[in-house]
Amino acid sequence: MFKNLFGNKEKVQEDEVQFEITGMTCDHCATSIEKRFKGKAGLVSKTVSYIEGKGTFTYNPDKISKAEIIETINKGGNYKVQKESGGNGNIEPAERGQYDLIIIGGGSAAFSASTTAADMGLSVLMVNAGLDIGGTCVNVGCVPSKHLMRTAEQIYKTKHSPFNGVSSTNPIVDYKAIIQQKKELVAALQKKKYLDVVGKL
């Protein structure tokens, strides 16, 4: 939203954001949160309601960011921003093609950063053009390599019994089935550890 605050001389951008805030137990708590923003450059207005458990903030994004507003609320005390719950219908940063955080990659570190940012109420864009979602560990690293190592170990143990009286056998190995099982394991972990997590954000 653009609002003219200085006649025809200059247009100053204003955004409005609303957060769900936990930890308030009375109206004094709401007033206490509002006082934290006294003198904050870029903050145009703030309204915090104990009854609704929400805070609405109008701000100039060129002078103060959404992340700074969240940090001010969360800093000290028992108050915590749970999530963004809307505003006055203005276009949100993500809808304008703007994000608080852009993450390159789709591995475990990327997902850790994205979930942390989402918990703070920030808008996040994840760009992944390399390995499939899940990164190295799930696709070509720890998960498939350990699966194949355990398979090889089982084949070896079947052929080499360490106990007298227990005959070793020559197992029938179906490599196609082994690789298929590995692919199914990778797909299951991609869904459980990554895709399902994104769906909850």
Protein backbone atom coordinates (compact mmCIF):
# COMPACT_ATOMS: atom_id res chain seq x y z
CA MET A 1 0.00 0.00 0.00
CA PHE A 2 1.27 3.46 -0.84
CA LYS A 3 0.00 6.40 1.15
CA ASN A 4 0.79 10.07 0.51
CA LEU A 5 1.85 11.57 3.82
CA PHE A 6 3.45 14.77 2.52
CA GLY A 7 0.97 16.32 0.09
CA ASN A 8 2.18 15.78 -3.45
CA LYS A 9 5.86 15.83 -2.59
CA GLU A 10 6.55 12.23 -1.65
CA LYS A 11 4.89 8.86 -1.48
CA VAL A 12 5.74 6.77 1.56
CA GLN A 13 5.08 3.05 1.51
CA GLU A 14 3.08 1.57 4.36
CA ASP A 15 2.37 -2.08 5.07
CA GLU A 16 0.04 -3.51 7.68
CA VAL A 17 0.53 -6.82 9.42
CA GLN A 18 -1.40 -8.65 12.12
CA PHE A 19 0.06 -11.28 14.44
CA GLU A 20 -1.41 -13.76 16.88
CA ILE A 21 0.39 -13.17 20.18
CA THR A 22 0.44 -15.56 23.14
CA GLY A 23 1.45 -14.87 26.73
CA MET A 24 -0.90 -11.95 27.44
CA THR A 25 -2.98 -12.32 30.61
CA CYS A 26 -4.60 -8.87 30.88
CA ASP A 27 -5.03 -5.50 29.18
CA HIS A 28 -1.86 -4.28 30.88
CA CYS A 29 0.10 -6.88 28.90
CA ALA A 30 -1.26 -5.47 25.65
CA THR A 31 -0.30 -1.95 26.74
CA SER A 32 3.15 -3.20 27.72
CA ILE A 33 3.73 -4.60 24.23
CA GLU A 34 2.61 -1.33 22.63
CA LYS A 35 5.06 0.62 24.82
CA ARG A 36 7.94 -1.43 23.45
CA PHE A 37 7.46 0.34 20.13
CA LYS A 38 7.63 3.87 21.53
CA GLY A 39 10.01 5.89 19.37
CA LYS A 40 10.55 3.05 16.87
CA ALA A 41 11.44 4.58 13.53
CA GLY A 42 9.18 3.46 10.73
CA LEU A 43 6.28 2.32 12.91
CA VAL A 44 3.17 4.31 12.00
CA SER A 45 0.65 2.75 14.39
CA LYS A 46 0.16 -0.24 16.66
CA THR A 47 -2.90 -1.78 18.28
CA VAL A 48 -2.59 -4.78 20.59
CA SER A 49 -5.68 -6.52 21.97
CA TYR A 50 -5.56 -8.88 24.95
CA ILE A 51 -9.14 -10.06 24.28
CA GLU A 52 -8.39 -11.03 20.67
CA GLY A 53 -4.83 -12.13 21.37
CA LYS A 54 -3.66 -10.15 18.37
CA GLY A 55 -1.55 -7.14 17.46
CA THR A 56 -1.95 -5.00 14.34
CA PHE A 57 0.97 -2.89 13.14
CA THR A 58 1.24 -0.34 10.33
CA TYR A 59 4.83 0.33 9.32
CA ASN A 60 7.19 1.68 6.69
CA PRO A 61 9.14 -1.36 5.39
CA ASP A 62 11.98 0.93 4.29
CA LYS A 63 12.67 1.79 7.93
CA ILE A 64 11.56 -1.23 9.94
CA SER A 65 11.07 -4.83 8.87
CA LYS A 66 8.45 -7.36 9.85
CA ALA A 67 11.21 -9.40 11.49
CA GLU A 68 12.16 -6.43 13.70
CA ILE A 69 8.54 -6.04 14.81
CA ILE A 70 8.40 -9.73 15.74
CA GLU A 71 11.73 -9.50 17.57
CA THR A 72 10.51 -6.50 19.59
CA ILE A 73 7.38 -8.39 20.68
CA ASN A 74 9.25 -11.58 21.56
CA LYS A 75 12.16 -9.90 23.34
CA GLY A 76 11.88 -10.46 27.09
CA GLY A 77 8.73 -11.34 28.99
CA ASN A 78 6.41 -14.19 28.11
CA TYR A 79 5.00 -12.76 24.90
CA LYS A 80 5.51 -14.64 21.65
CA VAL A 81 4.31 -14.15 18.09
CA GLN A 82 2.74 -17.43 16.97
CA LYS A 83 1.89 -16.61 13.39
CA GLU A 84 0.76 -13.90 11.03
CA SER A 85 -3.03 -13.75 10.92
CA GLY A 86 -3.67 -11.19 8.21
CA GLY A 87 -4.11 -7.43 8.17
CA ASN A 88 -6.26 -4.92 6.35
CA GLY A 89 -6.33 -6.79 3.06
CA ASN A 90 -3.21 -5.14 1.67
CA ILE A 91 -1.01 -7.18 -0.61
CA GLU A 92 1.44 -9.14 1.48
CA PRO A 93 5.16 -9.14 0.56
CA ALA A 94 5.03 -12.69 -0.84
CA GLU A 95 2.14 -11.72 -3.13
CA ARG A 96 4.21 -8.83 -4.49
CA GLY A 97 7.10 -11.17 -5.22
CA GLN A 98 8.95 -9.99 -2.11
CA TYR A 99 10.00 -12.27 0.74
CA ASP A 100 11.58 -11.86 4.15
CA LEU A 101 13.84 -14.82 3.46
CA ILE A 102 14.88 -16.58 0.23
CA ILE A 103 16.57 -19.97 0.68
CA ILE A 104 18.66 -21.59 -2.03
CA GLY A 105 18.49 -25.38 -1.82
CA GLY A 106 16.10 -28.00 -0.48
CA GLY A 107 18.15 -30.00 1.99
CA SER A 108 17.94 -30.40 5.76
CA ALA A 109 19.60 -27.04 6.53
CA ALA A 110 17.23 -25.26 4.16
CA PHE A 111 14.20 -26.85 5.81
CA SER A 112 15.47 -26.00 9.28
CA ALA A 113 15.84 -22.35 8.26
CA SER A 114 12.42 -22.26 6.57
CA THR A 115 10.52 -23.75 9.52
CA THR A 116 12.25 -21.40 11.97
CA ALA A 117 11.41 -18.40 9.79
CA ALA A 118 7.81 -19.55 9.35
CA ASP A 119 7.45 -19.89 13.13
CA MET A 120 8.50 -16.23 13.36
CA GLY A 121 5.74 -15.24 10.95
CA LEU A 122 8.11 -14.44 8.08
CA SER A 123 7.39 -15.06 4.41
CA VAL A 124 9.78 -17.61 2.90
CA LEU A 125 10.68 -18.66 -0.64
CA MET A 126 12.67 -21.87 -1.16
CA VAL A 127 14.42 -22.36 -4.52
CA ASN A 128 15.61 -25.90 -5.28
CA ALA A 129 16.98 -26.80 -8.71
CA GLY A 130 19.60 -29.43 -7.90
CA LEU A 131 18.90 -32.73 -6.19
CA ASP A 132 15.34 -33.71 -5.37
CA ILE A 133 13.81 -32.29 -2.21
CA GLY A 134 15.73 -33.51 0.83
CA GLY A 135 19.19 -32.77 -0.54
CA THR A 136 22.25 -34.99 -0.36
CA CYS A 137 21.47 -37.04 2.75
CA VAL A 138 18.11 -38.43 1.66
CA ASN A 139 18.74 -38.76 -2.06
CA VAL A 140 22.35 -39.85 -2.61
CA GLY A 141 24.07 -39.76 0.78
CA CYS A 142 23.34 -41.30 4.17
CA VAL A 143 19.99 -42.94 3.50
CA PRO A 144 20.61 -44.85 0.23
CA SER A 145 24.25 -45.66 1.02
CA LYS A 146 23.43 -47.13 4.44
CA HIS A 147 20.56 -49.11 2.97
CA LEU A 148 22.87 -50.67 0.37
CA MET A 149 25.59 -51.29 2.96
CA ARG A 150 23.16 -53.13 5.23
CA THR A 151 21.94 -55.16 2.27
CA ALA A 152 25.52 -56.15 1.41
CA GLU A 153 26.17 -56.99 5.06
CA GLN A 154 23.16 -59.30 5.13
CA ILE A 155 24.34 -61.06 1.96
CA TYR A 156 27.79 -61.58 3.49
CA LYS A 157 26.40 -62.94 6.78
CA THR A 158 24.21 -65.39 4.90
CA LYS A 159 27.24 -66.72 3.02
CA HIS A 160 29.64 -66.75 6.01
CA SER A 161 28.23 -68.29 9.17
CA PRO A 162 30.57 -67.89 12.21
CA PHE A 163 28.93 -70.79 14.07
CA ASN A 164 29.84 -74.47 13.88
CA GLY A 165 26.89 -76.57 12.91
CA VAL A 166 25.22 -73.76 10.99
CA SER A 167 25.73 -74.17 7.29
CA SER A 168 26.18 -71.15 5.08
CA THR A 169 24.02 -70.70 2.03
CA ASN A 170 24.49 -68.96 -1.24
CA PRO A 171 21.65 -66.38 -1.31
CA ILE A 172 19.74 -65.43 -4.41
CA VAL A 173 20.33 -61.70 -4.90
CA ASP A 174 17.83 -59.65 -6.87
CA TYR A 175 19.62 -56.36 -7.49
CA LYS A 176 16.61 -54.83 -9.20
CA ALA A 177 14.47 -55.47 -6.10
CA ILE A 178 17.21 -54.04 -3.84
CA ILE A 179 17.35 -50.80 -5.82
CA GLN A 180 13.55 -50.58 -5.91
CA GLN A 181 13.39 -50.92 -2.12
CA LYS A 182 16.03 -48.19 -1.80
CA LYS A 183 13.96 -45.87 -4.01
CA GLU A 184 10.83 -46.54 -1.95
CA LEU A 185 12.72 -45.75 1.26
CA VAL A 186 14.00 -42.47 -0.18
CA ALA A 187 10.51 -41.49 -1.37
CA ALA A 188 8.97 -42.31 2.03
CA LEU A 189 11.51 -40.16 3.89
CA GLN A 190 11.14 -37.31 1.40
CA LYS A 191 7.42 -37.26 2.13
CA LYS A 192 7.62 -37.69 5.91
CA LYS A 193 10.60 -35.45 6.67
CA TYR A 194 10.19 -32.76 4.02
CA LEU A 195 7.03 -32.59 1.90
CA ASP A 196 4.66 -33.15 4.83
CA VAL A 197 6.55 -30.51 6.82
CA VAL A 198 6.12 -27.95 4.04
CA GLY A 199 2.42 -28.73 3.88
CA LYS A 200 2.01 -27.73 7.53
CA LEU A 201 3.70 -24.33 7.18
